[in-house]
PDB file of N, CA and C in Angstrom:
ATOM      1  N   MET A   1     -38.132 177.079 -22.961  1.00  0.00           N
ATOM      2  CA  MET A   1     -38.414 176.382 -21.237  1.00  0.00           C
ATOM      3  C   MET A   1     -37.976 175.011 -21.151  1.00  0.00           C
ATOM      4  N   TYR A   2     -38.658 174.138 -21.306  1.00  0.00           N
ATOM      5  CA  TYR A   2     -38.217 173.160 -21.882  1.00  0.00           C
ATOM      6  C   TYR A   2     -38.701 172.620 -23.285  1.00  0.00           C
ATOM      7  N   THR A   3     -38.171 172.119 -23.967  1.00  0.00           N
ATOM      8  CA  THR A   3     -38.352 171.761 -24.871  1.00  0.00           C
ATOM      9  C   THR A   3     -38.848 169.645 -25.586  1.00  0.00           C
ATOM     10  N   ARG A   4     -38.524 169.241 -24.707  1.00  0.00           N
ATOM     11  CA  ARG A   4     -38.508 167.217 -24.555  1.00  0.00           C
ATOM     12  C   ARG A   4     -39.567 166.986 -22.953  1.00  0.00           C
ATOM     13  N   ILE A   5     -40.601 166.343 -22.598  1.00  0.00           N
ATOM     14  CA  ILE A   5     -41.197 166.052 -21.911  1.00  0.00           C
ATOM     15  C   ILE A   5     -41.062 164.545 -21.587  1.00  0.00           C
ATOM     16  N   LEU A   6     -40.563 164.406 -20.947  1.00  0.00           N
ATOM     17  CA  LEU A   6     -41.108 163.125 -20.704  1.00  0.00           C
ATOM     18  C   LEU A   6     -41.936 162.418 -19.615  1.00  0.00           C
ATOM     19  N   VAL A   7     -43.047 162.032 -19.917  1.00  0.00           N
ATOM     20  CA  VAL A   7     -43.501 161.215 -19.039  1.00  0.00           C
ATOM     21  C   VAL A   7     -43.661 159.997 -19.488  1.00  0.00           C
ATOM     22  N   PRO A   8     -43.668 159.742 -18.186  1.00  0.00           N
ATOM     23  CA  PRO A   8     -44.246 158.068 -17.879  1.00  0.00           C
ATOM     24  C   PRO A   8     -45.799 157.732 -17.445  1.00  0.00           C
ATOM     25  N   LEU A   9     -46.464 156.725 -18.085  1.00  0.00           N
ATOM     26  CA  LEU A   9     -47.628 155.793 -17.841  1.00  0.00           C
ATOM     27  C   LEU A   9     -48.126 154.443 -17.059  1.00  0.00           C
ATOM     28  N   GLU A  10     -48.650 154.047 -16.111  1.00  0.00           N
ATOM     29  CA  GLU A  10     -49.414 152.811 -15.955  1.00  0.00           C
ATOM     30  C   GLU A  10     -49.696 152.781 -16.687  1.00  0.00           C
ATOM     31  N   HIS A  11     -50.430 153.058 -17.176  1.00  0.00           N
ATOM     32  CA  HIS A  11     -51.235 152.359 -18.243  1.00  0.00           C
ATOM     33  C   HIS A  11     -52.938 151.973 -17.489  1.00  0.00           C
ATOM     34  N   SER A  12     -52.957 153.005 -16.617  1.00  0.00           N
ATOM     35  CA  SER A  12     -54.728 152.694 -15.660  1.00  0.00           C
ATOM     36  C   SER A  12     -55.032 154.627 -15.716  1.00  0.00           C
ATOM     37  N   ALA A  13     -56.086 155.237 -15.741  1.00  0.00           N
ATOM     38  CA  ALA A  13     -56.745 155.929 -15.218  1.00  0.00           C
ATOM     39  C   ALA A  13     -56.392 156.978 -14.843  1.00  0.00           C
ATOM     40  N   ALA A  14     -55.368 157.110 -14.508  1.00  0.00           N
ATOM     41  CA  ALA A  14     -54.319 158.013 -13.975  1.00  0.00           C
ATOM     42  C   ALA A  14     -53.419 158.878 -14.303  1.00  0.00           C
ATOM     43  N   ASP A  15     -53.533 157.557 -15.698  1.00  0.00           N
ATOM     44  CA  ASP A  15     -52.854 158.781 -16.466  1.00  0.00           C
ATOM     45  C   ASP A  15     -53.056 160.033 -17.338  1.00  0.00           C
ATOM     46  N   GLU A  16     -54.409 160.127 -16.992  1.00  0.00           N
ATOM     47  CA  GLU A  16     -55.624 161.097 -18.129  1.00  0.00           C
ATOM     48  C   GLU A  16     -54.848 162.450 -17.500  1.00  0.00           C
ATOM     49  N   ALA A  17     -55.099 161.964 -15.512  1.00  0.00           N
ATOM     50  CA  ALA A  17     -54.484 163.580 -14.755  1.00  0.00           C
ATOM     51  C   ALA A  17     -53.434 163.955 -15.753  1.00  0.00           C
ATOM     52  N   ILE A  18     -52.634 162.953 -15.180  1.00  0.00           N
ATOM     53  CA  ILE A  18     -50.855 164.256 -15.934  1.00  0.00           C
ATOM     54  C   ILE A  18     -50.861 164.387 -17.446  1.00  0.00           C
ATOM     55  N   LEU A  19     -51.363 163.788 -17.995  1.00  0.00           N
ATOM     56  CA  LEU A  19     -51.773 164.186 -19.980  1.00  0.00           C
ATOM     57  C   LEU A  19     -52.416 164.931 -19.659  1.00  0.00           C
ATOM     58  N   ALA A  20     -53.601 165.435 -19.697  1.00  0.00           N
ATOM     59  CA  ALA A  20     -54.220 166.674 -19.751  1.00  0.00           C
ATOM     60  C   ALA A  20     -53.336 168.430 -19.424  1.00  0.00           C
ATOM     61  N   HIS A  21     -52.411 167.858 -17.659  1.00  0.00           N
ATOM     62  CA  HIS A  21     -51.500 169.315 -17.110  1.00  0.00           C
ATOM     63  C   HIS A  21     -50.631 168.630 -18.647  1.00  0.00           C
ATOM     64  N   VAL A  22     -50.082 167.510 -19.179  1.00  0.00           N
ATOM     65  CA  VAL A  22     -48.412 168.064 -19.842  1.00  0.00           C
ATOM     66  C   VAL A  22     -49.266 168.908 -21.494  1.00  0.00           C
ATOM     67  N   HIS A  23     -50.976 168.222 -22.079  1.00  0.00           N
ATOM     68  CA  HIS A  23     -50.813 167.905 -22.683  1.00  0.00           C
ATOM     69  C   HIS A  23     -50.615 169.801 -23.321  1.00  0.00           C
ATOM     70  N   GLY A  24     -51.338 171.386 -22.220  1.00  0.00           N
ATOM     71  CA  GLY A  24     -51.639 171.801 -22.532  1.00  0.00           C
ATOM     72  C   GLY A  24     -50.243 172.577 -22.459  1.00  0.00           C
ATOM     73  N   LEU A  25     -49.345 172.202 -21.663  1.00  0.00           N
ATOM     74  CA  LEU A  25     -47.967 173.336 -21.162  1.00  0.00           C
ATOM     75  C   LEU A  25     -47.495 172.620 -22.653  1.00  0.00           C
ATOM     76  N   ALA A  26     -47.375 172.051 -23.403  1.00  0.00           N
ATOM     77  CA  ALA A  26     -46.228 171.760 -24.362  1.00  0.00           C
ATOM     78  C   ALA A  26     -46.459 171.701 -25.471  1.00  0.00           C
ATOM     79  N   LYS A  27     -48.359 172.361 -25.517  1.00  0.00           N
ATOM     80  CA  LYS A  27     -48.921 173.118 -26.827  1.00  0.00           C
ATOM     81  C   LYS A  27     -47.907 174.747 -26.431  1.00  0.00           C
ATOM     82  N   ARG A  28     -48.404 174.670 -25.104  1.00  0.00           N
ATOM     83  CA  ARG A  28     -48.260 176.773 -24.805  1.00  0.00           C
ATOM     84  C   ARG A  28     -46.350 176.068 -25.082  1.00  0.00           C
ATOM     85  N   LEU A  29     -45.708 175.573 -24.950  1.00  0.00           N
ATOM     86  CA  LEU A  29     -43.928 175.947 -25.479  1.00  0.00           C
ATOM     87  C   LEU A  29     -43.623 175.314 -26.479  1.00  0.00           C
ATOM     88  N   GLY A  30     -44.824 174.097 -27.389  1.00  0.00           N
ATOM     89  CA  GLY A  30     -43.730 174.359 -28.584  1.00  0.00           C
ATOM     90  C   GLY A  30     -43.138 172.938 -28.110  1.00  0.00           C
ATOM     91  N   SER A  31     -43.181 172.316 -26.431  1.00  0.00           N
ATOM     92  CA  SER A  31     -42.600 171.618 -26.791  1.00  0.00           C
ATOM     93  C   SER A  31     -43.040 169.577 -27.349  1.00  0.00           C
ATOM     94  N   SER A  32     -42.123 168.984 -27.250  1.00  0.00           N
ATOM     95  CA  SER A  32     -42.097 167.568 -27.911  1.00  0.00           C
ATOM     96  C   SER A  32     -42.183 166.253 -26.677  1.00  0.00           C
ATOM     97  N   VAL A  33     -43.354 165.797 -26.898  1.00  0.00           N
ATOM     98  CA  VAL A  33     -43.622 164.486 -25.612  1.00  0.00           C
ATOM     99  C   VAL A  33     -43.135 162.836 -25.767  1.00  0.00           C
ATOM    100  N   VAL A  34     -42.581 163.036 -24.900  1.00  0.00           N
ATOM    101  CA  VAL A  34     -41.980 161.160 -24.630  1.00  0.00           C
ATOM    102  C   VAL A  34     -42.851 160.664 -24.080  1.00  0.00           C
ATOM    103  N   LEU A  35     -43.654 159.415 -24.213  1.00  0.00           N
ATOM    104  CA  LEU A  35     -43.985 158.968 -23.541  1.00  0.00           C
ATOM    105  C   LEU A  35     -43.843 157.580 -23.410  1.00  0.00           C
ATOM    106  N   ILE A  36     -44.050 156.828 -22.242  1.00  0.00           N
ATOM    107  CA  ILE A  36     -42.464 155.846 -21.481  1.00  0.00           C
ATOM    108  C   ILE A  36     -43.982 154.804 -20.331  1.00  0.00           C
ATOM    109  N   HIS A  37     -43.484 153.454 -21.088  1.00  0.00           N
ATOM    110  CA  HIS A  37     -44.359 152.809 -20.043  1.00  0.00           C
ATOM    111  C   HIS A  37     -42.897 151.849 -19.816  1.00  0.00           C
ATOM    112  N   VAL A  38     -42.826 151.710 -18.275  1.00  0.00           N
ATOM    113  CA  VAL A  38     -42.292 150.823 -18.225  1.00  0.00           C
ATOM    114  C   VAL A  38     -43.284 148.879 -17.741  1.00  0.00           C
ATOM    115  N   ALA A  39     -42.768 148.146 -18.811  1.00  0.00           N
ATOM    116  CA  ALA A  39     -42.927 147.190 -17.425  1.00  0.00           C
ATOM    117  C   ALA A  39     -42.194 146.109 -17.613  1.00  0.00           C
ATOM    118  N   ASP A  40     -43.044 145.612 -15.559  1.00  0.00           N
ATOM    119  CA  ASP A  40     -42.193 145.379 -14.880  1.00  0.00           C
ATOM    120  C   ASP A  40     -42.652 144.008 -14.309  1.00  0.00           C
ATOM    121  N   GLY A  41     -43.444 143.305 -14.952  1.00  0.00           N
ATOM    122  CA  GLY A  41     -44.240 141.865 -14.237  1.00  0.00           C
ATOM    123  C   GLY A  41     -42.637 141.425 -14.887  1.00  0.00           C
ATOM    124  N   TRP A  42     -42.444 139.221 -14.849  1.00  0.00           N
ATOM    125  CA  TRP A  42     -41.626 138.927 -14.970  1.00  0.00           C
ATOM    126  C   TRP A  42     -41.152 138.912 -16.164  1.00  0.00           C
ATOM    127  N   VAL A  43     -41.853 138.557 -16.628  1.00  0.00           N
ATOM    128  CA  VAL A  43     -41.443 138.324 -18.107  1.00  0.00           C
ATOM    129  C   VAL A  43     -40.409 139.352 -18.930  1.00  0.00           C
ATOM    130  N   ALA A  44     -41.169 140.926 -18.613  1.00  0.00           N
ATOM    131  CA  ALA A  44     -40.393 142.240 -18.739  1.00  0.00           C
ATOM    132  C   ALA A  44     -38.709 142.416 -17.980  1.00  0.00           C
ATOM    133  N   ARG A  45     -39.294 141.889 -16.323  1.00  0.00           N
ATOM    134  CA  ARG A  45     -37.350 141.703 -16.388  1.00  0.00           C
ATOM    135  C   ARG A  45     -37.013 140.788 -15.471  1.00  0.00           C
ATOM    136  N   ASN A  46     -37.025 139.918 -16.522  1.00  0.00           N
ATOM    137  CA  ASN A  46     -36.227 138.612 -16.945  1.00  0.00           C
ATOM    138  C   ASN A  46     -36.297 138.472 -19.270  1.00  0.00           C
ATOM    139  N   ILE A  47     -36.675 139.986 -19.841  1.00  0.00           N
ATOM    140  CA  ILE A  47     -36.317 139.154 -21.235  1.00  0.00           C
ATOM    141  C   ILE A  47     -34.337 138.839 -21.876  1.00  0.00           C
ATOM    142  N   LYS A  48     -34.111 140.181 -21.338  1.00  0.00           N
ATOM    143  CA  LYS A  48     -33.492 140.193 -21.819  1.00  0.00           C
ATOM    144  C   LYS A  48     -32.732 138.576 -21.177  1.00  0.00           C
ATOM    145  N   GLU A  49     -32.268 138.840 -19.878  1.00  0.00           N
ATOM    146  CA  GLU A  49     -30.913 137.323 -19.229  1.00  0.00           C
ATOM    147  C   GLU A  49     -31.297 136.488 -19.624  1.00  0.00           C
ATOM    148  N   LEU A  50     -32.904 136.028 -20.191  1.00  0.00           N
ATOM    149  CA  LEU A  50     -33.615 134.556 -20.014  1.00  0.00           C
ATOM    150  C   LEU A  50     -33.951 135.047 -21.856  1.00  0.00           C
ATOM    151  N   ASP A  51     -33.589 135.557 -22.558  1.00  0.00           N
ATOM    152  CA  ASP A  51     -33.956 135.404 -24.022  1.00  0.00           C
ATOM    153  C   ASP A  51     -35.120 135.191 -25.024  1.00  0.00           C
ATOM    154  N   LEU A  52     -36.751 135.530 -23.211  1.00  0.00           N
ATOM    155  CA  LEU A  52     -37.839 135.635 -23.489  1.00  0.00           C
ATOM    156  C   LEU A  52     -38.652 136.481 -24.899  1.00  0.00           C
ATOM    157  N   ARG A  53     -39.774 135.726 -24.667  1.00  0.00           N
ATOM    158  CA  ARG A  53     -40.960 136.334 -25.821  1.00  0.00           C
ATOM    159  C   ARG A  53     -42.026 137.819 -25.131  1.00  0.00           C
ATOM    160  N   GLU A  54     -41.857 139.372 -25.739  1.00  0.00           N
ATOM    161  CA  GLU A  54     -42.637 139.451 -24.829  1.00  0.00           C
ATOM    162  C   GLU A  54     -43.934 140.017 -24.669  1.00  0.00           C
ATOM    163  N   SER A  55     -44.423 139.355 -23.282  1.00  0.00           N
ATOM    164  CA  SER A  55     -46.102 139.299 -22.757  1.00  0.00           C
ATOM    165  C   SER A  55     -47.057 139.643 -23.668  1.00  0.00           C
ATOM    166  N   GLU A  56     -47.951 139.099 -22.795  1.00  0.00           N
ATOM    167  CA  GLU A  56     -49.697 139.581 -24.008  1.00  0.00           C
ATOM    168  C   GLU A  56     -49.405 140.945 -22.985  1.00  0.00           C
ATOM    169  N   GLU A  57     -49.375 141.019 -21.028  1.00  0.00           N
ATOM    170  CA  GLU A  57     -48.798 142.404 -21.220  1.00  0.00           C
ATOM    171  C   GLU A  57     -48.171 143.353 -21.357  1.00  0.00           C
ATOM    172  N   MET A  58     -46.837 142.993 -21.917  1.00  0.00           N
ATOM    173  CA  MET A  58     -46.731 143.878 -22.951  1.00  0.00           C
ATOM    174  C   MET A  58     -46.783 144.718 -24.554  1.00  0.00           C
ATOM    175  N   ARG A  59     -47.841 143.906 -24.785  1.00  0.00           N
ATOM    176  CA  ARG A  59     -48.229 143.972 -26.275  1.00  0.00           C
ATOM    177  C   ARG A  59     -49.331 144.864 -26.089  1.00  0.00           C
ATOM    178  N   ASP A  60     -50.544 144.311 -24.915  1.00  0.00           N
ATOM    179  CA  ASP A  60     -51.640 145.047 -24.224  1.00  0.00           C
ATOM    180  C   ASP A  60     -50.514 146.719 -24.393  1.00  0.00           C
ATOM    181  N   ASP A  61     -49.701 146.911 -22.944  1.00  0.00           N
ATOM    182  CA  ASP A  61     -49.176 148.262 -23.440  1.00  0.00           C
ATOM    183  C   ASP A  61     -47.863 148.590 -23.898  1.00  0.00           C
ATOM    184  N   LEU A  62     -47.971 148.293 -25.210  1.00  0.00           N
ATOM    185  CA  LEU A  62     -47.299 148.777 -26.931  1.00  0.00           C
ATOM    186  C   LEU A  62     -48.448 148.486 -27.149  1.00  0.00           C
ATOM    187  N   ALA A  63     -50.016 148.754 -26.550  1.00  0.00           N
ATOM    188  CA  ALA A  63     -50.850 149.016 -28.179  1.00  0.00           C
ATOM    189  C   ALA A  63     -51.635 150.401 -27.380  1.00  0.00           C
ATOM    190  N   TYR A  64     -51.340 150.622 -25.893  1.00  0.00           N
ATOM    191  CA  TYR A  64     -51.437 151.770 -24.964  1.00  0.00           C
ATOM    192  C   TYR A  64     -51.061 152.442 -25.075  1.00  0.00           C
ATOM    193  N   LEU A  65     -49.789 152.097 -25.107  1.00  0.00           N
ATOM    194  CA  LEU A  65     -48.599 154.089 -25.552  1.00  0.00           C
ATOM    195  C   LEU A  65     -49.455 154.350 -27.376  1.00  0.00           C
ATOM    196  N   GLU A  66     -49.120 153.738 -27.984  1.00  0.00           N
ATOM    197  CA  GLU A  66     -49.932 153.899 -29.036  1.00  0.00           C
ATOM    198  C   GLU A  66     -50.968 154.740 -29.206  1.00  0.00           C
ATOM    199  N   GLU A  67     -52.033 154.419 -28.376  1.00  0.00           N
ATOM    200  CA  GLU A  67     -53.313 154.425 -29.329  1.00  0.00           C
ATOM    201  C   GLU A  67     -52.623 156.541 -28.244  1.00  0.00           C
ATOM    202  N   VAL A  68     -52.329 156.376 -26.923  1.00  0.00           N
ATOM    203  CA  VAL A  68     -51.973 157.855 -26.504  1.00  0.00           C
ATOM    204  C   VAL A  68     -51.229 158.186 -27.592  1.00  0.00           C
ATOM    205  N   SER A  69     -50.264 158.519 -28.269  1.00  0.00           N
ATOM    206  CA  SER A  69     -49.943 158.625 -28.907  1.00  0.00           C
ATOM    207  C   SER A  69     -50.566 159.383 -29.663  1.00  0.00           C
ATOM    208  N   ALA A  70     -51.128 158.220 -30.002  1.00  0.00           N
ATOM    209  CA  ALA A  70     -51.649 158.669 -31.463  1.00  0.00           C
ATOM    210  C   ALA A  70     -52.547 160.288 -31.220  1.00  0.00           C
ATOM    211  N   ARG A  71     -53.342 159.801 -30.111  1.00  0.00           N
ATOM    212  CA  ARG A  71     -54.572 160.978 -29.723  1.00  0.00           C
ATOM    213  C   ARG A  71     -53.332 162.662 -29.304  1.00  0.00           C
ATOM    214  N   LEU A  72     -52.917 162.437 -28.694  1.00  0.00           N
ATOM    215  CA  LEU A  72     -51.833 163.856 -28.337  1.00  0.00           C
ATOM    216  C   LEU A  72     -51.202 164.106 -30.286  1.00  0.00           C
ATOM    217  N   GLY A  73     -50.758 162.787 -31.046  1.00  0.00           N
ATOM    218  CA  GLY A  73     -50.497 163.808 -32.435  1.00  0.00           C
ATOM    219  C   GLY A  73     -51.355 164.290 -33.183  1.00  0.00           C
ATOM    220  N   ALA A  74     -53.072 163.906 -33.025  1.00  0.00           N
ATOM    221  CA  ALA A  74     -53.681 164.342 -33.943  1.00  0.00           C
ATOM    222  C   ALA A  74     -54.080 165.655 -33.912  1.00  0.00           C
ATOM    223  N   ASP A  75     -53.731 166.316 -32.094  1.00  0.00           N
ATOM    224  CA  ASP A  75     -54.037 167.723 -31.292  1.00  0.00           C
ATOM    225  C   ASP A  75     -52.474 168.565 -32.057  1.00  0.00           C
ATOM    226  N   GLY A  76     -52.273 168.129 -32.536  1.00  0.00           N
ATOM    227  CA  GLY A  76     -50.599 168.718 -32.923  1.00  0.00           C
ATOM    228  C   GLY A  76     -48.946 168.081 -32.222  1.00  0.00           C
ATOM    229  N   LEU A  77     -49.464 168.061 -31.840  1.00  0.00           N
ATOM    230  CA  LEU A  77     -48.445 167.676 -30.795  1.00  0.00           C
ATOM    231  C   LEU A  77     -46.855 166.214 -31.000  1.00  0.00           C
ATOM    232  N   ASP A  78     -45.876 166.390 -31.559  1.00  0.00           N
ATOM    233  CA  ASP A  78     -44.748 166.262 -31.677  1.00  0.00           C
ATOM    234  C   ASP A  78     -44.601 164.856 -30.513  1.00  0.00           C
ATOM    235  N   VAL A  79     -44.934 163.566 -30.692  1.00  0.00           N
ATOM    236  CA  VAL A  79     -44.327 162.539 -29.770  1.00  0.00           C
ATOM    237  C   VAL A  79     -44.422 161.906 -30.493  1.00  0.00           C
ATOM    238  N   ASP A  80     -42.902 161.554 -29.292  1.00  0.00           N
ATOM    239  CA  ASP A  80     -42.567 159.151 -29.358  1.00  0.00           C
ATOM    240  C   ASP A  80     -43.045 158.859 -28.643  1.00  0.00           C
ATOM    241  N   ALA A  81     -43.169 157.236 -28.580  1.00  0.00           N
ATOM    242  CA  ALA A  81     -43.631 156.263 -27.112  1.00  0.00           C
ATOM    243  C   ALA A  81     -42.031 155.770 -27.527  1.00  0.00           C
ATOM    244  N   VAL A  82     -41.811 155.489 -25.736  1.00  0.00           N
ATOM    245  CA  VAL A  82     -40.994 154.370 -25.172  1.00  0.00           C
ATOM    246  C   VAL A  82     -42.012 153.228 -25.187  1.00  0.00           C
ATOM    247  N   LEU A  83     -41.572 151.828 -25.335  1.00  0.00           N
ATOM    248  CA  LEU A  83     -41.981 151.247 -23.694  1.00  0.00           C
ATOM    249  C   LEU A  83     -40.691 150.009 -23.399  1.00  0.00           C
ATOM    250  N   ALA A  84     -40.520 150.251 -21.773  1.00  0.00           N
ATOM    251  CA  ALA A  84     -39.507 149.588 -21.796  1.00  0.00           C
ATOM    252  C   ALA A  84     -39.064 148.471 -20.958  1.00  0.00           C
ATOM    253  N   ALA A  85     -38.207 148.483 -20.339  1.00  0.00           N
ATOM    254  CA  ALA A  85     -38.594 146.843 -19.294  1.00  0.00           C
ATOM    255  C   ALA A  85     -36.981 146.955 -18.588  1.00  0.00           C
ATOM    256  N   GLY A  86     -37.802 146.691 -16.803  1.00  0.00           N
ATOM    257  CA  GLY A  86     -37.495 146.912 -15.437  1.00  0.00           C
ATOM    258  C   GLY A  86     -37.458 147.097 -15.177  1.00  0.00           C
ATOM    259  N   ASP A  87     -36.626 147.376 -13.521  1.00  0.00           N
ATOM    260  CA  ASP A  87     -36.843 148.760 -12.685  1.00  0.00           C
ATOM    261  C   ASP A  87     -37.421 150.142 -13.071  1.00  0.00           C
ATOM    262  N   PRO A  88     -38.692 150.827 -13.419  1.00  0.00           N
ATOM    263  CA  PRO A  88     -39.091 151.565 -13.320  1.00  0.00           C
ATOM    264  C   PRO A  88     -38.556 153.172 -13.399  1.00  0.00           C
ATOM    265  N   ALA A  89     -37.473 153.268 -11.875  1.00  0.00           N
ATOM    266  CA  ALA A  89     -36.936 154.378 -11.679  1.00  0.00           C
ATOM    267  C   ALA A  89     -36.085 154.792 -12.382  1.00  0.00           C
ATOM    268  N   LYS A  90     -34.944 153.198 -12.657  1.00  0.00           N
ATOM    269  CA  LYS A  90     -33.757 152.890 -13.800  1.00  0.00           C
ATOM    270  C   LYS A  90     -34.051 153.097 -14.552  1.00  0.00           C
ATOM    271  N   GLU A  91     -35.335 152.647 -15.006  1.00  0.00           N
ATOM    272  CA  GLU A  91     -35.147 152.817 -17.080  1.00  0.00           C
ATOM    273  C   GLU A  91     -36.547 154.759 -17.034  1.00  0.00           C
ATOM    274  N   ILE A  92     -37.246 155.329 -16.228  1.00  0.00           N
ATOM    275  CA  ILE A  92     -37.471 155.877 -16.766  1.00  0.00           C
ATOM    276  C   ILE A  92     -36.270 157.481 -16.335  1.00  0.00           C
ATOM    277  N   GLY A  93     -35.489 156.728 -15.729  1.00  0.00           N
ATOM    278  CA  GLY A  93     -34.201 158.038 -15.763  1.00  0.00           C
ATOM    279  C   GLY A  93     -33.417 157.692 -16.765  1.00  0.00           C
ATOM    280  N   ALA A  94     -33.194 156.111 -17.293  1.00  0.00           N
ATOM    281  CA  ALA A  94     -32.431 156.605 -18.353  1.00  0.00           C
ATOM    282  C   ALA A  94     -32.479 156.640 -19.618  1.00  0.00           C
ATOM    283  N   ALA A  95     -34.420 156.487 -19.231  1.00  0.00           N
ATOM    284  CA  ALA A  95     -35.004 156.984 -20.702  1.00  0.00           C
ATOM    285  C   ALA A  95     -34.369 159.172 -21.171  1.00  0.00           C
ATOM    286  N   ALA A  96     -34.445 159.413 -19.571  1.00  0.00           N
ATOM    287  CA  ALA A  96     -35.016 160.706 -19.555  1.00  0.00           C
ATOM    288  C   ALA A  96     -33.594 161.382 -20.161  1.00  0.00           C
ATOM    289  N   GLU A  97     -32.318 160.975 -19.921  1.00  0.00           N
ATOM    290  CA  GLU A  97     -31.074 161.187 -20.258  1.00  0.00           C
ATOM    291  C   GLU A  97     -31.189 160.396 -22.109  1.00  0.00           C
ATOM    292  N   ARG A  98     -31.775 159.650 -22.228  1.00  0.00           N
ATOM    293  CA  ARG A  98     -31.196 159.339 -23.838  1.00  0.00           C
ATOM    294  C   ARG A  98     -31.940 159.822 -24.712  1.00  0.00           C
ATOM    295  N   GLU A  99     -33.479 159.680 -24.445  1.00  0.00           N
ATOM    296  CA  GLU A  99     -33.841 161.121 -24.786  1.00  0.00           C
ATOM    297  C   GLU A  99     -33.880 162.679 -24.856  1.00  0.00           C
ATOM    298  N   HIS A 100     -32.528 163.422 -24.393  1.00  0.00           N
ATOM    299  CA  HIS A 100     -32.367 164.182 -23.916  1.00  0.00           C
ATOM    300  C   HIS A 100     -34.066 165.310 -23.463  1.00  0.00           C
ATOM    301  N   CYS A 101     -35.032 164.673 -22.247  1.00  0.00           N
ATOM    302  CA  CYS A 101     -35.659 165.407 -22.664  1.00  0.00           C
ATOM    303  C   CYS A 101     -34.898 166.074 -20.512  1.00  0.00           C
ATOM    304  N   ASP A 102     -36.231 167.097 -20.904  1.00  0.00           N
ATOM    305  CA  ASP A 102     -35.078 168.488 -19.665  1.00  0.00           C
ATOM    306  C   ASP A 102     -36.663 168.716 -18.123  1.00  0.00           C
ATOM    307  N   LEU A 103     -37.485 167.796 -18.757  1.00  0.00           N
ATOM    308  CA  LEU A 103     -38.473 167.768 -17.500  1.00  0.00           C
ATOM    309  C   LEU A 103     -39.035 166.362 -17.751  1.00  0.00           C
ATOM    310  N   ILE A 104     -39.202 165.732 -16.617  1.00  0.00           N
ATOM    311  CA  ILE A 104     -39.600 164.517 -16.044  1.00  0.00           C
ATOM    312  C   ILE A 104     -41.769 164.893 -15.243  1.00  0.00           C
ATOM    313  N   ALA A 105     -42.759 164.544 -15.883  1.00  0.00           N
ATOM    314  CA  ALA A 105     -44.124 164.839 -15.935  1.00  0.00           C
ATOM    315  C   ALA A 105     -44.538 163.585 -14.565  1.00  0.00           C
ATOM    316  N   MET A 106     -44.815 162.810 -13.884  1.00  0.00           N
ATOM    317  CA  MET A 106     -46.231 162.168 -14.241  1.00  0.00           C
ATOM    318  C   MET A 106     -46.764 162.282 -12.851  1.00  0.00           C
ATOM    319  N   ALA A 107     -47.794 160.820 -12.734  1.00  0.00           N
ATOM    320  CA  ALA A 107     -49.017 162.023 -11.281  1.00  0.00           C
ATOM    321  C   ALA A 107     -47.981 160.307 -10.737  1.00  0.00           C
ATOM    322  N   THR A 108     -48.594 160.364  -9.467  1.00  0.00           N
ATOM    323  CA  THR A 108     -48.212 159.781  -7.686  1.00  0.00           C
ATOM    324  C   THR A 108     -49.721 159.218  -7.827  1.00  0.00           C
ATOM    325  N   THR A 109     -49.141 157.920  -7.767  1.00  0.00           N
ATOM    326  CA  THR A 109     -50.486 156.612  -8.038  1.00  0.00           C
ATOM    327  C   THR A 109     -50.168 155.548  -6.243  1.00  0.00           C
ATOM    328  N   GLY A 110     -48.768 155.534  -6.557  1.00  0.00           N
ATOM    329  CA  GLY A 110     -47.713 154.664  -6.111  1.00  0.00           C
ATOM    330  C   GLY A 110     -48.163 153.214  -6.188  1.00  0.00           C
ATOM    331  N   THR A 111     -48.639 152.806  -7.476  1.00  0.00           N
ATOM    332  CA  THR A 111     -48.316 152.130  -8.444  1.00  0.00           C
ATOM    333  C   THR A 111     -47.613 150.712  -9.359  1.00  0.00           C
ATOM    334  N   GLY A 112     -46.973 151.374  -9.589  1.00  0.00           N
ATOM    335  CA  GLY A 112     -45.432 151.303 -10.170  1.00  0.00           C
ATOM    336  C   GLY A 112     -45.705 152.130 -11.458  1.00  0.00           C
ATOM    337  N   CYS A 113     -44.822 152.246 -12.319  1.00  0.00           N
ATOM    338  CA  CYS A 113     -44.880 152.910 -13.621  1.00  0.00           C
ATOM    339  C   CYS A 113     -45.255 151.853 -14.942  1.00  0.00           C
TER     340      CYS A 113
END
């Protein structure tokens, strides 16, 4: 049914709700999981155009993705993690296409991704 699930994370407590659902679904279906966080601070939105170095926020976001990925991987899931920068909606859509995901599973909190 679903072979690859994209999970946008906000790097907040709200992530745990969607991760619990995706964990169960991926286990039942044998799906792989792609975690994505879209950094959208000033540095993240301008990193390419202005040739900037990643910010402390982006380093923290990457560490968070790696921690969540390791946790899910330790439970037997096939997990990849992507840190993107820019407009969340555009980056999530591009990642879904690039990573060949057939489901996007995300929580709704209204605070961004």
